[in-house]
Amino acid sequence: MPTQESIAEARFYPDDLLPKMQQLLAILADLDHRYATERYHLENWSGPRATKAHLLADLEQSHRANRERLEACLEELRSSARAHIEGLRRNRGHLERAPSMRTAH
């Protein structure tokens, strides 16, 4: 049976992983919101159609490139999490069994 100390040491995720994932997801949400807002304003702009089409294409390309970069970072964190969990699974069999603390009365 694992000891209290071994359980505390074998965390499901490294301490810094969850905050990094949350931060990346928040950045992605902000990026998508900003893109949708800018796209809405451009689509409703009364300027020349050719200029509008060019600006919309630039906005789309920029958004896609930024999103792909952030998604790659998120995938790296997911891979780190999977590797950490796999390491926990491999080490689970190596945990020493603690002697029973029961006494015969």
N, C-alpha and C. Protein backbone atom coordinates (compact mmCIF):
# COMPACT_ATOMS: atom_id res chain seq x y z
N MET A 1 0.85 -1.18 0.00
CA MET A 1 0.00 0.00 0.00
C MET A 1 0.90 1.24 0.00
N PRO A 2 0.66 2.23 -0.88
CA PRO A 2 1.50 3.42 -0.94
C PRO A 2 1.39 4.22 0.35
N THR A 3 2.49 4.82 0.72
CA THR A 3 2.49 5.66 1.91
C THR A 3 1.90 7.02 1.57
N GLN A 4 1.52 7.76 2.59
CA GLN A 4 0.99 9.12 2.42
C GLN A 4 1.98 9.99 1.65
N GLU A 5 3.26 9.83 1.96
CA GLU A 5 4.30 10.63 1.30
C GLU A 5 4.43 10.27 -0.17
N SER A 6 4.34 8.97 -0.51
CA SER A 6 4.47 8.59 -1.91
C SER A 6 3.28 9.06 -2.72
N ILE A 7 2.11 9.10 -2.13
CA ILE A 7 0.92 9.61 -2.82
C ILE A 7 1.08 11.10 -3.08
N ALA A 8 1.57 11.84 -2.10
CA ALA A 8 1.76 13.28 -2.26
C ALA A 8 2.79 13.57 -3.34
N GLU A 9 3.82 12.74 -3.45
CA GLU A 9 4.86 12.96 -4.44
C GLU A 9 4.39 12.64 -5.85
N ALA A 10 3.47 11.70 -6.01
CA ALA A 10 3.01 11.27 -7.33
C ALA A 10 1.77 12.04 -7.73
N ARG A 11 1.94 13.30 -8.08
CA ARG A 11 0.81 14.12 -8.50
C ARG A 11 0.40 13.73 -9.91
N PHE A 12 -0.88 13.95 -10.20
CA PHE A 12 -1.40 13.59 -11.51
C PHE A 12 -0.77 14.45 -12.60
N TYR A 13 -0.62 15.74 -12.36
CA TYR A 13 0.04 16.66 -13.29
C TYR A 13 1.17 17.38 -12.57
N PRO A 14 2.21 17.77 -13.29
CA PRO A 14 3.22 18.63 -12.67
C PRO A 14 2.55 19.95 -12.24
N ASP A 15 3.05 20.56 -11.20
CA ASP A 15 2.42 21.76 -10.64
C ASP A 15 2.23 22.89 -11.64
N ASP A 16 3.15 23.04 -12.58
CA ASP A 16 3.07 24.17 -13.49
C ASP A 16 2.23 23.90 -14.74
N LEU A 17 1.81 22.67 -14.95
CA LEU A 17 1.12 22.31 -16.19
C LEU A 17 -0.29 22.90 -16.28
N LEU A 18 -1.08 22.75 -15.25
CA LEU A 18 -2.46 23.23 -15.29
C LEU A 18 -2.53 24.74 -15.50
N PRO A 19 -1.77 25.55 -14.77
CA PRO A 19 -1.82 27.00 -15.03
C PRO A 19 -1.41 27.37 -16.46
N LYS A 20 -0.42 26.66 -17.00
CA LYS A 20 0.00 26.94 -18.38
C LYS A 20 -1.11 26.60 -19.36
N MET A 21 -1.78 25.47 -19.15
CA MET A 21 -2.89 25.08 -20.03
C MET A 21 -4.03 26.09 -19.94
N GLN A 22 -4.36 26.49 -18.72
CA GLN A 22 -5.43 27.48 -18.54
C GLN A 22 -5.08 28.80 -19.21
N GLN A 23 -3.83 29.22 -19.08
CA GLN A 23 -3.40 30.46 -19.70
C GLN A 23 -3.50 30.38 -21.22
N LEU A 24 -3.05 29.28 -21.81
CA LEU A 24 -3.13 29.11 -23.26
C LEU A 24 -4.57 29.07 -23.74
N LEU A 25 -5.44 28.38 -23.00
CA LEU A 25 -6.85 28.33 -23.39
C LEU A 25 -7.50 29.71 -23.31
N ALA A 26 -7.13 30.50 -22.30
CA ALA A 26 -7.65 31.86 -22.18
C ALA A 26 -7.16 32.74 -23.33
N ILE A 27 -5.90 32.58 -23.71
CA ILE A 27 -5.35 33.35 -24.83
C ILE A 27 -6.06 32.97 -26.12
N LEU A 28 -6.31 31.68 -26.32
CA LEU A 28 -7.04 31.23 -27.51
C LEU A 28 -8.45 31.82 -27.54
N ALA A 29 -9.12 31.83 -26.41
CA ALA A 29 -10.47 32.39 -26.34
C ALA A 29 -10.44 33.89 -26.66
N ASP A 30 -9.46 34.60 -26.10
CA ASP A 30 -9.33 36.04 -26.40
C ASP A 30 -9.05 36.27 -27.88
N LEU A 31 -8.17 35.45 -28.45
CA LEU A 31 -7.83 35.57 -29.87
C LEU A 31 -9.08 35.37 -30.74
N ASP A 32 -9.85 34.34 -30.43
CA ASP A 32 -11.07 34.07 -31.21
C ASP A 32 -12.09 35.19 -31.06
N HIS A 33 -12.23 35.70 -29.85
CA HIS A 33 -13.18 36.80 -29.61
C HIS A 33 -12.75 38.05 -30.38
N ARG A 34 -11.47 38.37 -30.30
CA ARG A 34 -10.95 39.55 -31.02
C ARG A 34 -11.15 39.38 -32.52
N TYR A 35 -10.88 38.19 -33.04
CA TYR A 35 -11.06 37.91 -34.47
C TYR A 35 -12.52 38.11 -34.87
N ALA A 36 -13.44 37.54 -34.10
CA ALA A 36 -14.86 37.65 -34.42
C ALA A 36 -15.32 39.11 -34.40
N THR A 37 -14.84 39.87 -33.43
CA THR A 37 -15.20 41.29 -33.33
C THR A 37 -14.67 42.07 -34.51
N GLU A 38 -13.40 41.87 -34.84
CA GLU A 38 -12.79 42.60 -35.95
C GLU A 38 -13.44 42.20 -37.28
N ARG A 39 -13.74 40.93 -37.42
CA ARG A 39 -14.39 40.46 -38.64
C ARG A 39 -15.78 41.09 -38.79
N TYR A 40 -16.52 41.13 -37.69
CA TYR A 40 -17.85 41.75 -37.71
C TYR A 40 -17.77 43.21 -38.16
N HIS A 41 -16.83 43.95 -37.58
CA HIS A 41 -16.69 45.36 -37.93
C HIS A 41 -16.29 45.54 -39.39
N LEU A 42 -15.37 44.68 -39.86
CA LEU A 42 -14.96 44.78 -41.27
C LEU A 42 -16.11 44.44 -42.21
N GLU A 43 -16.86 43.39 -41.89
CA GLU A 43 -17.96 42.99 -42.75
C GLU A 43 -19.04 44.07 -42.83
N ASN A 44 -19.20 44.83 -41.78
CA ASN A 44 -20.22 45.87 -41.74
C ASN A 44 -19.67 47.25 -42.11
N TRP A 45 -18.43 47.31 -42.46
CA TRP A 45 -17.80 48.57 -42.88
C TRP A 45 -18.31 48.95 -44.27
N SER A 46 -18.51 50.22 -44.48
CA SER A 46 -19.07 50.67 -45.76
C SER A 46 -17.99 51.07 -46.76
N GLY A 47 -16.76 50.68 -46.53
CA GLY A 47 -15.66 51.03 -47.42
C GLY A 47 -15.69 50.24 -48.72
N PRO A 48 -14.71 50.49 -49.57
CA PRO A 48 -14.65 49.82 -50.88
C PRO A 48 -14.56 48.29 -50.71
N ARG A 49 -15.28 47.58 -51.56
CA ARG A 49 -15.34 46.11 -51.47
C ARG A 49 -13.96 45.47 -51.63
N ALA A 50 -13.17 45.95 -52.55
CA ALA A 50 -11.84 45.36 -52.77
C ALA A 50 -10.97 45.52 -51.53
N THR A 51 -11.03 46.68 -50.91
CA THR A 51 -10.25 46.93 -49.69
C THR A 51 -10.76 46.05 -48.56
N LYS A 52 -12.08 45.96 -48.45
CA LYS A 52 -12.70 45.12 -47.42
C LYS A 52 -12.27 43.66 -47.59
N ALA A 53 -12.33 43.17 -48.82
CA ALA A 53 -11.95 41.78 -49.09
C ALA A 53 -10.49 41.55 -48.74
N HIS A 54 -9.64 42.51 -49.08
CA HIS A 54 -8.21 42.37 -48.77
C HIS A 54 -7.98 42.36 -47.25
N LEU A 55 -8.65 43.26 -46.54
CA LEU A 55 -8.50 43.33 -45.08
C LEU A 55 -9.05 42.06 -44.41
N LEU A 56 -10.17 41.56 -44.91
CA LEU A 56 -10.72 40.32 -44.35
C LEU A 56 -9.78 39.13 -44.58
N ALA A 57 -9.18 39.07 -45.77
CA ALA A 57 -8.23 37.99 -46.06
C ALA A 57 -7.01 38.09 -45.15
N ASP A 58 -6.50 39.30 -44.94
CA ASP A 58 -5.36 39.49 -44.03
C ASP A 58 -5.71 39.09 -42.61
N LEU A 59 -6.90 39.49 -42.18
CA LEU A 59 -7.36 39.16 -40.83
C LEU A 59 -7.46 37.65 -40.66
N GLU A 60 -8.05 36.97 -41.64
CA GLU A 60 -8.19 35.51 -41.59
C GLU A 60 -6.83 34.82 -41.54
N GLN A 61 -5.91 35.26 -42.39
CA GLN A 61 -4.58 34.64 -42.44
C GLN A 61 -3.83 34.86 -41.12
N SER A 62 -3.91 36.04 -40.59
CA SER A 62 -3.24 36.35 -39.32
C SER A 62 -3.84 35.53 -38.18
N HIS A 63 -5.16 35.46 -38.13
CA HIS A 63 -5.83 34.69 -37.08
C HIS A 63 -5.45 33.23 -37.16
N ARG A 64 -5.46 32.67 -38.37
CA ARG A 64 -5.12 31.25 -38.55
C ARG A 64 -3.68 30.97 -38.09
N ALA A 65 -2.75 31.84 -38.48
CA ALA A 65 -1.34 31.63 -38.11
C ALA A 65 -1.16 31.72 -36.59
N ASN A 66 -1.79 32.70 -35.96
CA ASN A 66 -1.68 32.84 -34.50
C ASN A 66 -2.32 31.66 -33.79
N ARG A 67 -3.46 31.22 -34.27
CA ARG A 67 -4.16 30.10 -33.64
C ARG A 67 -3.36 28.81 -33.79
N GLU A 68 -2.79 28.57 -34.95
CA GLU A 68 -1.99 27.36 -35.15
C GLU A 68 -0.78 27.34 -34.23
N ARG A 69 -0.15 28.49 -34.04
CA ARG A 69 1.01 28.56 -33.15
C ARG A 69 0.61 28.25 -31.71
N LEU A 70 -0.51 28.81 -31.27
CA LEU A 70 -0.98 28.56 -29.90
C LEU A 70 -1.44 27.12 -29.73
N GLU A 71 -2.09 26.57 -30.74
CA GLU A 71 -2.52 25.17 -30.66
C GLU A 71 -1.32 24.23 -30.60
N ALA A 72 -0.24 24.58 -31.28
CA ALA A 72 0.98 23.77 -31.20
C ALA A 72 1.55 23.79 -29.78
N CYS A 73 1.52 24.95 -29.15
CA CYS A 73 1.98 25.05 -27.75
C CYS A 73 1.10 24.22 -26.83
N LEU A 74 -0.21 24.27 -27.07
CA LEU A 74 -1.13 23.49 -26.25
C LEU A 74 -0.90 21.99 -26.45
N GLU A 75 -0.63 21.59 -27.66
CA GLU A 75 -0.35 20.17 -27.93
C GLU A 75 0.94 19.73 -27.23
N GLU A 76 1.93 20.60 -27.16
CA GLU A 76 3.16 20.27 -26.43
C GLU A 76 2.85 20.04 -24.96
N LEU A 77 1.98 20.88 -24.38
CA LEU A 77 1.60 20.69 -22.98
C LEU A 77 0.82 19.38 -22.81
N ARG A 78 -0.05 19.08 -23.75
CA ARG A 78 -0.79 17.81 -23.67
C ARG A 78 0.16 16.63 -23.74
N SER A 79 1.16 16.71 -24.59
CA SER A 79 2.15 15.64 -24.70
C SER A 79 2.93 15.50 -23.40
N SER A 80 3.27 16.62 -22.79
CA SER A 80 3.96 16.59 -21.50
C SER A 80 3.10 15.93 -20.44
N ALA A 81 1.80 16.25 -20.46
CA ALA A 81 0.89 15.64 -19.49
C ALA A 81 0.79 14.14 -19.71
N ARG A 82 0.67 13.72 -20.98
CA ARG A 82 0.59 12.29 -21.27
C ARG A 82 1.87 11.57 -20.84
N ALA A 83 3.02 12.19 -21.09
CA ALA A 83 4.30 11.58 -20.70
C ALA A 83 4.39 11.48 -19.17
N HIS A 84 3.93 12.51 -18.48
CA HIS A 84 3.97 12.50 -17.02
C HIS A 84 3.06 11.39 -16.48
N ILE A 85 1.86 11.28 -17.03
CA ILE A 85 0.92 10.26 -16.58
C ILE A 85 1.46 8.86 -16.88
N GLU A 86 2.05 8.70 -18.05
CA GLU A 86 2.64 7.40 -18.40
C GLU A 86 3.77 7.05 -17.43
N GLY A 87 4.57 8.04 -17.05
CA GLY A 87 5.62 7.82 -16.07
C GLY A 87 5.06 7.39 -14.73
N LEU A 88 3.93 7.99 -14.34
CA LEU A 88 3.28 7.60 -13.09
C LEU A 88 2.80 6.15 -13.16
N ARG A 89 2.25 5.78 -14.31
CA ARG A 89 1.78 4.39 -14.47
C ARG A 89 2.92 3.40 -14.38
N ARG A 90 4.04 3.73 -15.02
CA ARG A 90 5.20 2.83 -14.98
C ARG A 90 5.75 2.72 -13.57
N ASN A 91 5.75 3.81 -12.83
CA ASN A 91 6.33 3.81 -11.49
C ASN A 91 5.38 3.26 -10.44
N ARG A 92 4.11 3.17 -10.77
CA ARG A 92 3.13 2.69 -9.80
C ARG A 92 3.50 1.30 -9.29
N GLY A 93 4.00 0.47 -10.16
CA GLY A 93 4.38 -0.88 -9.76
C GLY A 93 5.62 -0.91 -8.91
N HIS A 94 6.38 0.16 -8.91
CA HIS A 94 7.63 0.20 -8.15
C HIS A 94 7.46 0.79 -6.75
N LEU A 95 6.27 1.26 -6.42
CA LEU A 95 6.06 1.82 -5.09
C LEU A 95 6.17 0.72 -4.04
N GLU A 96 6.83 1.02 -3.01
CA GLU A 96 6.99 0.03 -1.94
C GLU A 96 5.70 -0.08 -1.14
N ARG A 97 5.45 -1.27 -0.74
CA ARG A 97 4.28 -1.47 0.11
C ARG A 97 4.67 -1.17 1.55
N ALA A 98 3.84 -0.33 2.16
CA ALA A 98 4.10 0.04 3.56
C ALA A 98 3.58 -1.08 4.46
N PRO A 99 4.28 -1.35 5.55
CA PRO A 99 3.79 -2.36 6.49
C PRO A 99 2.47 -1.91 7.12
N SER A 100 1.65 -2.82 7.42
CA SER A 100 0.38 -2.52 8.02
C SER A 100 0.58 -1.92 9.41
N MET A 101 -0.20 -0.92 9.73
CA MET A 101 -0.09 -0.25 11.03
C MET A 101 -1.05 -0.86 12.05
N ARG A 102 -1.76 -1.92 11.67
CA ARG A 102 -2.72 -2.53 12.57
C ARG A 102 -2.00 -3.31 13.67
N THR A 103 -2.61 -3.31 14.80
CA THR A 103 -2.08 -4.10 15.93
C THR A 103 -3.14 -5.10 16.34
N ALA A 104 -2.70 -6.24 16.79
CA ALA A 104 -3.64 -7.27 17.25
C ALA A 104 -3.99 -6.97 18.69
N HIS A 105 -5.26 -6.85 18.96
CA HIS A 105 -5.73 -6.61 20.34
C HIS A 105 -6.61 -7.71 20.77
